[in-house]
């Protein structure tokens, strides 16, 4: 860099900044956040990082609202009797013994 002219040095730094931004975006774990960050066309690293953080926070908040919704924990499994899931998602579904219903026929 010491042997470069001022305009060459500026170009090298600008190219390094662009490469850093590209590598940062490609390293984002979520494809959804990558797509959003790319579509916003941030010019500086600060803009790109801020967009990624905002989107990650929004997704996290949405997931937290879903988990703490009124139905969470109130689901009752008709297979094992525990709360938090339904019979279709029961982890004991295939492990239970064959039961007999009130009519006398076997059910699984």
PDB file of N, CA and C in Angstrom:
ATOM      1  N   UNK A   1       0.819  -1.186   0.000  1.00  0.00           N
ATOM      2  CA  UNK A   1       0.000   0.000   0.000  1.00  0.00           C
ATOM      3  C   UNK A   1       0.871   1.261   0.000  1.00  0.00           C
ATOM      4  N   UNK A   2       2.095   1.157   0.491  1.00  0.00           N
ATOM      5  CA  UNK A   2       2.953   2.338   0.546  1.00  0.00           C
ATOM      6  C   UNK A   2       3.402   2.769  -0.845  1.00  0.00           C
ATOM      7  N   UNK A   3       3.515   1.825  -1.767  1.00  0.00           N
ATOM      8  CA  UNK A   3       3.966   2.139  -3.115  1.00  0.00           C
ATOM      9  C   UNK A   3       2.834   2.582  -4.030  1.00  0.00           C
ATOM     10  N   UNK A   4       1.622   2.644  -3.535  1.00  0.00           N
ATOM     11  CA  UNK A   4       0.457   2.990  -4.345  1.00  0.00           C
ATOM     12  C   UNK A   4       0.222   4.497  -4.347  1.00  0.00           C
ATOM     13  N   UNK A   5      -0.414   4.939  -5.404  1.00  0.00           N
ATOM     14  CA  UNK A   5      -0.871   6.321  -5.477  1.00  0.00           C
ATOM     15  C   UNK A   5      -2.126   6.449  -4.618  1.00  0.00           C
ATOM     16  N   UNK A   6      -2.505   7.669  -4.311  1.00  0.00           N
ATOM     17  CA  UNK A   6      -3.674   7.903  -3.469  1.00  0.00           C
ATOM     18  C   UNK A   6      -4.948   7.317  -4.079  1.00  0.00           C
ATOM     19  N   UNK A   7      -5.142   7.518  -5.387  1.00  0.00           N
ATOM     20  CA  UNK A   7      -6.363   7.004  -6.012  1.00  0.00           C
ATOM     21  C   UNK A   7      -6.364   5.473  -6.062  1.00  0.00           C
ATOM     22  N   UNK A   8      -5.187   4.859  -6.199  1.00  0.00           N
ATOM     23  CA  UNK A   8      -5.101   3.403  -6.165  1.00  0.00           C
ATOM     24  C   UNK A   8      -5.419   2.877  -4.767  1.00  0.00           C
ATOM     25  N   UNK A   9      -4.917   3.543  -3.772  1.00  0.00           N
ATOM     26  CA  UNK A   9      -5.163   3.158  -2.382  1.00  0.00           C
ATOM     27  C   UNK A   9      -6.656   3.230  -2.067  1.00  0.00           C
ATOM     28  N   UNK A  10      -7.316   4.265  -2.539  1.00  0.00           N
ATOM     29  CA  UNK A  10      -8.753   4.424  -2.323  1.00  0.00           C
ATOM     30  C   UNK A  10      -9.510   3.273  -2.990  1.00  0.00           C
ATOM     31  N   UNK A  11      -9.098   2.913  -4.200  1.00  0.00           N
ATOM     32  CA  UNK A  11      -9.736   1.806  -4.914  1.00  0.00           C
ATOM     33  C   UNK A  11      -9.540   0.468  -4.214  1.00  0.00           C
ATOM     34  N   UNK A  12      -8.339   0.247  -3.692  1.00  0.00           N
ATOM     35  CA  UNK A  12      -8.052  -1.007  -2.984  1.00  0.00           C
ATOM     36  C   UNK A  12      -8.904  -1.109  -1.720  1.00  0.00           C
ATOM     37  N   UNK A  13      -8.996  -0.012  -0.982  1.00  0.00           N
ATOM     38  CA  UNK A  13      -9.796  -0.010   0.248  1.00  0.00           C
ATOM     39  C   UNK A  13     -11.275  -0.218  -0.081  1.00  0.00           C
ATOM     40  N   UNK A  14     -11.761   0.427  -1.142  1.00  0.00           N
ATOM     41  CA  UNK A  14     -13.166   0.265  -1.537  1.00  0.00           C
ATOM     42  C   UNK A  14     -13.445  -1.186  -1.942  1.00  0.00           C
ATOM     43  N   UNK A  15     -12.523  -1.787  -2.678  1.00  0.00           N
ATOM     44  CA  UNK A  15     -12.686  -3.179  -3.082  1.00  0.00           C
ATOM     45  C   UNK A  15     -12.671  -4.113  -1.871  1.00  0.00           C
ATOM     46  N   UNK A  16     -11.780  -3.860  -0.929  1.00  0.00           N
ATOM     47  CA  UNK A  16     -11.720  -4.667   0.294  1.00  0.00           C
ATOM     48  C   UNK A  16     -13.016  -4.533   1.095  1.00  0.00           C
ATOM     49  N   UNK A  17     -13.580  -3.327   1.140  1.00  0.00           N
ATOM     50  CA  UNK A  17     -14.851  -3.117   1.842  1.00  0.00           C
ATOM     51  C   UNK A  17     -15.981  -3.904   1.186  1.00  0.00           C
ATOM     52  N   UNK A  18     -16.039  -3.888  -0.142  1.00  0.00           N
ATOM     53  CA  UNK A  18     -17.074  -4.634  -0.855  1.00  0.00           C
ATOM     54  C   UNK A  18     -16.929  -6.132  -0.610  1.00  0.00           C
ATOM     55  N   UNK A  19     -15.703  -6.616  -0.646  1.00  0.00           N
ATOM     56  CA  UNK A  19     -15.453  -8.030  -0.399  1.00  0.00           C
ATOM     57  C   UNK A  19     -15.859  -8.413   1.024  1.00  0.00           C
ATOM     58  N   UNK A  20     -15.558  -7.579   1.989  1.00  0.00           N
ATOM     59  CA  UNK A  20     -15.956  -7.829   3.379  1.00  0.00           C
ATOM     60  C   UNK A  20     -17.474  -7.920   3.489  1.00  0.00           C
ATOM     61  N   UNK A  21     -18.177  -6.996   2.834  1.00  0.00           N
ATOM     62  CA  UNK A  21     -19.637  -6.996   2.886  1.00  0.00           C
ATOM     63  C   UNK A  21     -20.222  -8.261   2.257  1.00  0.00           C
ATOM     64  N   UNK A  22     -19.668  -8.672   1.117  1.00  0.00           N
ATOM     65  CA  UNK A  22     -20.139  -9.880   0.443  1.00  0.00           C
ATOM     66  C   UNK A  22     -19.916 -11.111   1.315  1.00  0.00           C
ATOM     67  N   UNK A  23     -18.733 -11.200   1.906  1.00  0.00           N
ATOM     68  CA  UNK A  23     -18.425 -12.344   2.773  1.00  0.00           C
ATOM     69  C   UNK A  23     -19.334 -12.370   3.996  1.00  0.00           C
ATOM     70  N   UNK A  24     -19.636 -11.214   4.558  1.00  0.00           N
ATOM     71  CA  UNK A  24     -20.532 -11.139   5.713  1.00  0.00           C
ATOM     72  C   UNK A  24     -21.921 -11.654   5.346  1.00  0.00           C
ATOM     73  N   UNK A  25     -22.455 -11.185   4.232  1.00  0.00           N
ATOM     74  CA  UNK A  25     -23.804 -11.584   3.821  1.00  0.00           C
ATOM     75  C   UNK A  25     -23.845 -13.082   3.527  1.00  0.00           C
ATOM     76  N   UNK A  26     -22.827 -13.612   2.862  1.00  0.00           N
ATOM     77  CA  UNK A  26     -22.802 -15.038   2.553  1.00  0.00           C
ATOM     78  C   UNK A  26     -22.670 -15.889   3.816  1.00  0.00           C
ATOM     79  N   UNK A  27     -22.110 -15.323   4.854  1.00  0.00           N
ATOM     80  CA  UNK A  27     -21.933 -16.054   6.109  1.00  0.00           C
ATOM     81  C   UNK A  27     -23.149 -16.032   7.018  1.00  0.00           C
ATOM     82  N   UNK A  28     -24.179 -15.279   6.652  1.00  0.00           N
ATOM     83  CA  UNK A  28     -25.392 -15.242   7.471  1.00  0.00           C
ATOM     84  C   UNK A  28     -26.063 -16.602   7.391  1.00  0.00           C
ATOM     85  N   UNK A  29     -26.397 -17.178   8.540  1.00  0.00           N
ATOM     86  CA  UNK A  29     -26.932 -18.539   8.618  1.00  0.00           C
ATOM     87  C   UNK A  29     -28.294 -18.679   7.945  1.00  0.00           C
ATOM     88  N   UNK A  30     -29.165 -17.722   8.136  1.00  0.00           N
ATOM     89  CA  UNK A  30     -30.531 -17.807   7.620  1.00  0.00           C
ATOM     90  C   UNK A  30     -30.598 -17.323   6.170  1.00  0.00           C
ATOM     91  N   UNK A  31     -31.101 -18.179   5.296  1.00  0.00           N
ATOM     92  CA  UNK A  31     -31.270 -17.799   3.888  1.00  0.00           C
ATOM     93  C   UNK A  31     -32.262 -16.646   3.754  1.00  0.00           C
ATOM     94  N   UNK A  32     -33.262 -16.654   4.604  1.00  0.00           N
ATOM     95  CA  UNK A  32     -34.272 -15.589   4.565  1.00  0.00           C
ATOM     96  C   UNK A  32     -33.641 -14.232   4.874  1.00  0.00           C
ATOM     97  N   UNK A  33     -32.813 -14.183   5.902  1.00  0.00           N
ATOM     98  CA  UNK A  33     -32.156 -12.916   6.268  1.00  0.00           C
ATOM     99  C   UNK A  33     -31.166 -12.513   5.178  1.00  0.00           C
ATOM    100  N   UNK A  34     -30.457 -13.476   4.595  1.00  0.00           N
ATOM    101  CA  UNK A  34     -29.538 -13.163   3.492  1.00  0.00           C
ATOM    102  C   UNK A  34     -30.281 -12.477   2.358  1.00  0.00           C
ATOM    103  N   UNK A  35     -31.427 -13.030   1.988  1.00  0.00           N
ATOM    104  CA  UNK A  35     -32.209 -12.468   0.886  1.00  0.00           C
ATOM    105  C   UNK A  35     -32.674 -11.052   1.206  1.00  0.00           C
ATOM    106  N   UNK A  36     -33.125 -10.833   2.413  1.00  0.00           N
ATOM    107  CA  UNK A  36     -33.595  -9.501   2.815  1.00  0.00           C
ATOM    108  C   UNK A  36     -32.445  -8.507   2.789  1.00  0.00           C
ATOM    109  N   UNK A  37     -31.294  -8.898   3.336  1.00  0.00           N
ATOM    110  CA  UNK A  37     -30.132  -7.997   3.368  1.00  0.00           C
ATOM    111  C   UNK A  37     -29.689  -7.648   1.953  1.00  0.00           C
ATOM    112  N   UNK A  38     -29.661  -8.645   1.074  1.00  0.00           N
ATOM    113  CA  UNK A  38     -29.268  -8.369  -0.320  1.00  0.00           C
ATOM    114  C   UNK A  38     -30.251  -7.422  -1.001  1.00  0.00           C
ATOM    115  N   UNK A  39     -31.538  -7.591  -0.729  1.00  0.00           N
ATOM    116  CA  UNK A  39     -32.543  -6.766  -1.401  1.00  0.00           C
ATOM    117  C   UNK A  39     -32.519  -5.310  -0.944  1.00  0.00           C
ATOM    118  N   UNK A  40     -32.004  -5.063   0.249  1.00  0.00           N
ATOM    119  CA  UNK A  40     -31.946  -3.688   0.756  1.00  0.00           C
ATOM    120  C   UNK A  40     -30.781  -2.894   0.182  1.00  0.00           C
ATOM    121  N   UNK A  41     -29.824  -3.558  -0.445  1.00  0.00           N
ATOM    122  CA  UNK A  41     -28.676  -2.908  -1.093  1.00  0.00           C
ATOM    123  C   UNK A  41     -27.939  -1.936  -0.184  1.00  0.00           C
ATOM    124  N   UNK A  42     -27.565  -2.391   0.995  1.00  0.00           N
ATOM    125  CA  UNK A  42     -26.800  -1.535   1.902  1.00  0.00           C
ATOM    126  C   UNK A  42     -25.432  -1.225   1.332  1.00  0.00           C
ATOM    127  N   UNK A  43     -25.003   0.014   1.473  1.00  0.00           N
ATOM    128  CA  UNK A  43     -23.706   0.421   0.920  1.00  0.00           C
ATOM    129  C   UNK A  43     -22.568   0.227   1.902  1.00  0.00           C
ATOM    130  N   UNK A  44     -22.844   0.396   3.172  1.00  0.00           N
ATOM    131  CA  UNK A  44     -21.781   0.286   4.165  1.00  0.00           C
ATOM    132  C   UNK A  44     -21.992  -0.975   4.991  1.00  0.00           C
ATOM    133  N   UNK A  45     -20.921  -1.406   5.628  1.00  0.00           N
ATOM    134  CA  UNK A  45     -21.005  -2.578   6.490  1.00  0.00           C
ATOM    135  C   UNK A  45     -21.979  -2.324   7.633  1.00  0.00           C
ATOM    136  N   UNK A  46     -21.973  -1.125   8.168  1.00  0.00           N
ATOM    137  CA  UNK A  46     -22.884  -0.794   9.269  1.00  0.00           C
ATOM    138  C   UNK A  46     -24.342  -0.961   8.863  1.00  0.00           C
ATOM    139  N   UNK A  47     -24.703  -0.517   7.658  1.00  0.00           N
ATOM    140  CA  UNK A  47     -26.079  -0.665   7.168  1.00  0.00           C
ATOM    141  C   UNK A  47     -26.440  -2.139   7.009  1.00  0.00           C
ATOM    142  N   UNK A  48     -25.532  -2.908   6.451  1.00  0.00           N
ATOM    143  CA  UNK A  48     -25.780  -4.333   6.214  1.00  0.00           C
ATOM    144  C   UNK A  48     -25.934  -5.072   7.542  1.00  0.00           C
ATOM    145  N   UNK A  49     -25.033  -4.829   8.465  1.00  0.00           N
ATOM    146  CA  UNK A  49     -25.092  -5.500   9.767  1.00  0.00           C
ATOM    147  C   UNK A  49     -26.353  -5.097  10.528  1.00  0.00           C
ATOM    148  N   UNK A  50     -26.722  -3.833  10.473  1.00  0.00           N
ATOM    149  CA  UNK A  50     -27.926  -3.350  11.158  1.00  0.00           C
ATOM    150  C   UNK A  50     -29.175  -4.028  10.585  1.00  0.00           C
ATOM    151  N   UNK A  51     -29.252  -4.144   9.270  1.00  0.00           N
ATOM    152  CA  UNK A  51     -30.391  -4.815   8.636  1.00  0.00           C
ATOM    153  C   UNK A  51     -30.463  -6.271   9.078  1.00  0.00           C
ATOM    154  N   UNK A  52     -29.333  -6.952   9.087  1.00  0.00           N
ATOM    155  CA  UNK A  52     -29.306  -8.360   9.509  1.00  0.00           C
ATOM    156  C   UNK A  52     -29.763  -8.503  10.954  1.00  0.00           C
ATOM    157  N   UNK A  53     -29.294  -7.636  11.829  1.00  0.00           N
ATOM    158  CA  UNK A  53     -29.684  -7.696  13.234  1.00  0.00           C
ATOM    159  C   UNK A  53     -31.169  -7.402  13.426  1.00  0.00           C
ATOM    160  N   UNK A  54     -31.692  -6.430  12.691  1.00  0.00           N
ATOM    161  CA  UNK A  54     -33.115  -6.098  12.791  1.00  0.00           C
ATOM    162  C   UNK A  54     -33.976  -7.277  12.365  1.00  0.00           C
ATOM    163  N   UNK A  55     -33.613  -7.918  11.261  1.00  0.00           N
ATOM    164  CA  UNK A  55     -34.397  -9.045  10.770  1.00  0.00           C
ATOM    165  C   UNK A  55     -34.302 -10.242  11.707  1.00  0.00           C
ATOM    166  N   UNK A  56     -33.119 -10.491  12.237  1.00  0.00           N
ATOM    167  CA  UNK A  56     -32.960 -11.587  13.191  1.00  0.00           C
ATOM    168  C   UNK A  56     -33.806 -11.337  14.438  1.00  0.00           C
ATOM    169  N   UNK A  57     -33.805 -10.104  14.906  1.00  0.00           N
ATOM    170  CA  UNK A  57     -34.602  -9.741  16.080  1.00  0.00           C
ATOM    171  C   UNK A  57     -36.093  -9.900  15.803  1.00  0.00           C
ATOM    172  N   UNK A  58     -36.522  -9.493  14.606  1.00  0.00           N
ATOM    173  CA  UNK A  58     -37.944  -9.611  14.252  1.00  0.00           C
ATOM    174  C   UNK A  58     -38.367 -11.080  14.197  1.00  0.00           C
ATOM    175  N   UNK A  59     -37.538 -11.926  13.637  1.00  0.00           N
ATOM    176  CA  UNK A  59     -37.851 -13.353  13.560  1.00  0.00           C
ATOM    177  C   UNK A  59     -37.889 -13.958  14.957  1.00  0.00           C
ATOM    178  N   UNK A  60     -36.936 -13.600  15.791  1.00  0.00           N
ATOM    179  CA  UNK A  60     -36.898 -14.108  17.166  1.00  0.00           C
ATOM    180  C   UNK A  60     -38.143 -13.683  17.935  1.00  0.00           C
ATOM    181  N   UNK A  61     -38.536 -12.417  17.793  1.00  0.00           N
ATOM    182  CA  UNK A  61     -39.726 -11.913  18.484  1.00  0.00           C
ATOM    183  C   UNK A  61     -40.978 -12.644  18.024  1.00  0.00           C
ATOM    184  N   UNK A  62     -41.074 -12.884  16.733  1.00  0.00           N
ATOM    185  CA  UNK A  62     -42.231 -13.598  16.192  1.00  0.00           C
ATOM    186  C   UNK A  62     -42.297 -15.006  16.771  1.00  0.00           C
ATOM    187  N   UNK A  63     -41.161 -15.682  16.833  1.00  0.00           N
ATOM    188  CA  UNK A  63     -41.124 -17.034  17.384  1.00  0.00           C
ATOM    189  C   UNK A  63     -41.485 -17.040  18.868  1.00  0.00           C
ATOM    190  N   UNK A  64     -41.042 -16.051  19.602  1.00  0.00           N
ATOM    191  CA  UNK A  64     -41.368 -15.967  21.026  1.00  0.00           C
ATOM    192  C   UNK A  64     -42.861 -15.735  21.237  1.00  0.00           C
ATOM    193  N   UNK A  65     -43.458 -14.874  20.404  1.00  0.00           N
ATOM    194  CA  UNK A  65     -44.901 -14.637  20.515  1.00  0.00           C
ATOM    195  C   UNK A  65     -45.669 -15.912  20.241  1.00  0.00           C
ATOM    196  N   UNK A  66     -45.202 -16.685  19.268  1.00  0.00           N
ATOM    197  CA  UNK A  66     -45.874 -17.931  18.916  1.00  0.00           C
ATOM    198  C   UNK A  66     -45.798 -18.922  20.081  1.00  0.00           C
ATOM    199  N   UNK A  67     -44.635 -19.020  20.700  1.00  0.00           N
ATOM    200  CA  UNK A  67     -44.451 -19.965  21.806  1.00  0.00           C
ATOM    201  C   UNK A  67     -45.268 -19.585  23.023  1.00  0.00           C
ATOM    202  N   UNK A  68     -45.445 -18.304  23.245  1.00  0.00           N
ATOM    203  CA  UNK A  68     -46.145 -17.850  24.438  1.00  0.00           C
ATOM    204  C   UNK A  68     -47.614 -17.556  24.176  1.00  0.00           C
ATOM    205  N   UNK A  69     -48.098 -17.985  23.015  1.00  0.00           N
ATOM    206  CA  UNK A  69     -49.489 -17.746  22.655  1.00  0.00           C
ATOM    207  C   UNK A  69     -50.440 -18.450  23.608  1.00  0.00           C
ATOM    208  N   UNK A  70     -51.720 -18.127  23.527  1.00  0.00           N
ATOM    209  CA  UNK A  70     -52.685 -18.670  24.461  1.00  0.00           C
ATOM    210  C   UNK A  70     -52.854 -20.184  24.362  1.00  0.00           C
ATOM    211  N   UNK A  71     -52.581 -20.782  23.211  1.00  0.00           N
ATOM    212  CA  UNK A  71     -52.793 -22.218  23.061  1.00  0.00           C
ATOM    213  C   UNK A  71     -51.601 -23.040  23.542  1.00  0.00           C
ATOM    214  N   UNK A  72     -50.433 -22.415  23.720  1.00  0.00           N
ATOM    215  CA  UNK A  72     -49.240 -23.172  24.089  1.00  0.00           C
ATOM    216  C   UNK A  72     -49.410 -23.754  25.493  1.00  0.00           C
ATOM    217  N   UNK A  73     -49.159 -25.019  25.630  1.00  0.00           N
ATOM    218  CA  UNK A  73     -49.258 -25.670  26.922  1.00  0.00           C
ATOM    219  C   UNK A  73     -50.659 -26.157  27.230  1.00  0.00           C
ATOM    220  N   UNK A  74     -51.658 -25.738  26.491  1.00  0.00           N
ATOM    221  CA  UNK A  74     -53.029 -26.149  26.747  1.00  0.00           C
ATOM    222  C   UNK A  74     -53.439 -27.331  25.878  1.00  0.00           C
ATOM    223  N   UNK A  75     -52.576 -27.703  24.932  1.00  0.00           N
ATOM    224  CA  UNK A  75     -52.889 -28.856  24.097  1.00  0.00           C
ATOM    225  C   UNK A  75     -52.823 -30.113  24.950  1.00  0.00           C
ATOM    226  N   UNK A  76     -53.774 -30.991  24.775  1.00  0.00           N
ATOM    227  CA  UNK A  76     -53.813 -32.218  25.546  1.00  0.00           C
ATOM    228  C   UNK A  76     -53.795 -33.405  24.594  1.00  0.00           C
ATOM    229  N   UNK A  77     -52.840 -34.290  24.806  1.00  0.00           N
ATOM    230  CA  UNK A  77     -52.695 -35.465  23.961  1.00  0.00           C
ATOM    231  C   UNK A  77     -53.713 -36.522  24.382  1.00  0.00           C
ATOM    232  N   UNK A  78     -54.490 -37.012  23.428  1.00  0.00           N
ATOM    233  CA  UNK A  78     -55.465 -38.061  23.732  1.00  0.00           C
ATOM    234  C   UNK A  78     -54.805 -39.437  23.763  1.00  0.00           C
ATOM    235  N   UNK A  79     -53.532 -39.506  23.384  1.00  0.00           N
ATOM    236  CA  UNK A  79     -52.818 -40.768  23.389  1.00  0.00           C
ATOM    237  C   UNK A  79     -52.153 -41.035  24.740  1.00  0.00           C
ATOM    238  N   UNK A  80     -51.373 -40.077  25.239  1.00  0.00           N
ATOM    239  CA  UNK A  80     -50.643 -40.294  26.490  1.00  0.00           C
ATOM    240  C   UNK A  80     -51.196 -39.474  27.648  1.00  0.00           C
ATOM    241  N   UNK A  81     -52.052 -38.490  27.346  1.00  0.00           N
ATOM    242  CA  UNK A  81     -52.658 -37.679  28.397  1.00  0.00           C
ATOM    243  C   UNK A  81     -51.825 -36.495  28.849  1.00  0.00           C
ATOM    244  N   UNK A  82     -50.680 -36.283  28.254  1.00  0.00           N
ATOM    245  CA  UNK A  82     -49.816 -35.162  28.640  1.00  0.00           C
ATOM    246  C   UNK A  82     -50.183 -33.917  27.856  1.00  0.00           C
ATOM    247  N   UNK A  83     -49.814 -32.748  28.411  1.00  0.00           N
ATOM    248  CA  UNK A  83     -50.099 -31.481  27.742  1.00  0.00           C
ATOM    249  C   UNK A  83     -48.928 -31.059  26.864  1.00  0.00           C
ATOM    250  N   UNK A  84     -49.229 -30.154  25.916  1.00  0.00           N
ATOM    251  CA  UNK A  84     -48.183 -29.574  25.082  1.00  0.00           C
ATOM    252  C   UNK A  84     -48.128 -30.125  23.669  1.00  0.00           C
ATOM    253  N   UNK A  85     -48.851 -31.214  23.408  1.00  0.00           N
ATOM    254  CA  UNK A  85     -48.876 -31.770  22.061  1.00  0.00           C
ATOM    255  C   UNK A  85     -50.187 -32.527  21.869  1.00  0.00           C
ATOM    256  N   UNK A  86     -50.421 -32.949  20.641  1.00  0.00           N
ATOM    257  CA  UNK A  86     -51.627 -33.711  20.312  1.00  0.00           C
ATOM    258  C   UNK A  86     -51.223 -35.129  19.935  1.00  0.00           C
ATOM    259  N   UNK A  87     -52.202 -36.018  19.828  1.00  0.00           N
ATOM    260  CA  UNK A  87     -51.923 -37.435  19.567  1.00  0.00           C
ATOM    261  C   UNK A  87     -51.149 -37.648  18.272  1.00  0.00           C
ATOM    262  N   UNK A  88     -51.423 -36.854  17.246  1.00  0.00           N
ATOM    263  CA  UNK A  88     -50.722 -37.014  15.973  1.00  0.00           C
ATOM    264  C   UNK A  88     -49.228 -36.764  16.106  1.00  0.00           C
ATOM    265  N   UNK A  89     -48.812 -35.952  17.082  1.00  0.00           N
ATOM    266  CA  UNK A  89     -47.406 -35.626  17.290  1.00  0.00           C
ATOM    267  C   UNK A  89     -46.825 -36.328  18.524  1.00  0.00           C
ATOM    268  N   UNK A  90     -47.557 -37.264  19.075  1.00  0.00           N
ATOM    269  CA  UNK A  90     -47.147 -37.916  20.318  1.00  0.00           C
ATOM    270  C   UNK A  90     -45.913 -38.780  20.090  1.00  0.00           C
ATOM    271  N   UNK A  91     -44.943 -38.627  20.959  1.00  0.00           N
ATOM    272  CA  UNK A  91     -43.715 -39.394  20.842  1.00  0.00           C
ATOM    273  C   UNK A  91     -43.887 -40.810  21.390  1.00  0.00           C
ATOM    274  N   UNK A  92     -44.961 -41.067  22.087  1.00  0.00           N
ATOM    275  CA  UNK A  92     -45.246 -42.404  22.594  1.00  0.00           C
ATOM    276  C   UNK A  92     -46.233 -43.165  21.703  1.00  0.00           C
ATOM    277  N   UNK A  93     -46.588 -42.583  20.583  1.00  0.00           N
ATOM    278  CA  UNK A  93     -47.625 -43.141  19.723  1.00  0.00           C
ATOM    279  C   UNK A  93     -47.333 -44.599  19.355  1.00  0.00           C
ATOM    280  N   UNK A  94     -46.148 -44.903  18.926  1.00  0.00           N
ATOM    281  CA  UNK A  94     -45.817 -46.257  18.485  1.00  0.00           C
ATOM    282  C   UNK A  94     -45.369 -47.157  19.633  1.00  0.00           C
ATOM    283  N   UNK A  95     -45.135 -46.592  20.799  1.00  0.00           N
ATOM    284  CA  UNK A  95     -44.630 -47.366  21.934  1.00  0.00           C
ATOM    285  C   UNK A  95     -45.735 -47.895  22.836  1.00  0.00           C
ATOM    286  N   UNK A  96     -46.950 -47.360  22.693  1.00  0.00           N
ATOM    287  CA  UNK A  96     -48.059 -47.788  23.553  1.00  0.00           C
ATOM    288  C   UNK A  96     -48.525 -49.184  23.180  1.00  0.00           C
ATOM    289  N   UNK A  97     -49.020 -49.880  24.175  1.00  0.00           N
ATOM    290  CA  UNK A  97     -49.605 -51.198  23.929  1.00  0.00           C
ATOM    291  C   UNK A  97     -50.942 -51.031  23.227  1.00  0.00           C
ATOM    292  N   UNK A  98     -51.381 -52.099  22.634  1.00  0.00           N
ATOM    293  CA  UNK A  98     -52.672 -52.076  21.966  1.00  0.00           C
ATOM    294  C   UNK A  98     -53.743 -51.885  23.032  1.00  0.00           C
ATOM    295  N   UNK A  99     -54.653 -50.942  22.801  1.00  0.00           N
ATOM    296  CA  UNK A  99     -55.734 -50.662  23.747  1.00  0.00           C
ATOM    297  C   UNK A  99     -57.031 -51.242  23.203  1.00  0.00           C
ATOM    298  N   UNK A 100     -57.967 -51.420  24.062  1.00  0.00           N
ATOM    299  CA  UNK A 100     -59.271 -51.910  23.662  1.00  0.00           C
ATOM    300  C   UNK A 100     -60.275 -50.802  23.920  1.00  0.00           C
ATOM    301  N   UNK A 101     -61.069 -50.459  22.891  1.00  0.00           N
ATOM    302  CA  UNK A 101     -62.056 -49.408  23.087  1.00  0.00           C
ATOM    303  C   UNK A 101     -63.305 -49.988  23.737  1.00  0.00           C
ATOM    304  N   UNK A 102     -64.282 -49.162  24.002  1.00  0.00           N
ATOM    305  CA  UNK A 102     -65.480 -49.573  24.730  1.00  0.00           C
ATOM    306  C   UNK A 102     -66.289 -50.633  23.994  1.00  0.00           C
ATOM    307  N   UNK A 103     -66.155 -50.716  22.684  1.00  0.00           N
ATOM    308  CA  UNK A 103     -66.904 -51.697  21.926  1.00  0.00           C
ATOM    309  C   UNK A 103     -66.213 -53.045  21.891  1.00  0.00           C
ATOM    310  N   UNK A 104     -64.991 -53.113  22.367  1.00  0.00           N
ATOM    311  CA  UNK A 104     -64.275 -54.376  22.443  1.00  0.00           C
ATOM    312  C   UNK A 104     -63.323 -54.630  21.296  1.00  0.00           C
ATOM    313  N   UNK A 105     -63.302 -53.763  20.294  1.00  0.00           N
ATOM    314  CA  UNK A 105     -62.362 -53.975  19.198  1.00  0.00           C
ATOM    315  C   UNK A 105     -61.028 -53.328  19.519  1.00  0.00           C
ATOM    316  N   UNK A 106     -59.970 -53.868  18.971  1.00  0.00           N
ATOM    317  CA  UNK A 106     -58.641 -53.338  19.240  1.00  0.00           C
ATOM    318  C   UNK A 106     -58.406 -52.048  18.454  1.00  0.00           C
ATOM    319  N   UNK A 107     -57.720 -51.122  19.076  1.00  0.00           N
ATOM    320  CA  UNK A 107     -57.285 -49.914  18.391  1.00  0.00           C
ATOM    321  C   UNK A 107     -55.809 -49.712  18.693  1.00  0.00           C
ATOM    322  N   UNK A 108     -55.148 -49.045  17.820  1.00  0.00           N
ATOM    323  CA  UNK A 108     -53.718 -48.767  18.019  1.00  0.00           C
ATOM    324  C   UNK A 108     -53.491 -47.302  18.120  1.00  0.00           C
TER     325      UNK A 108
END
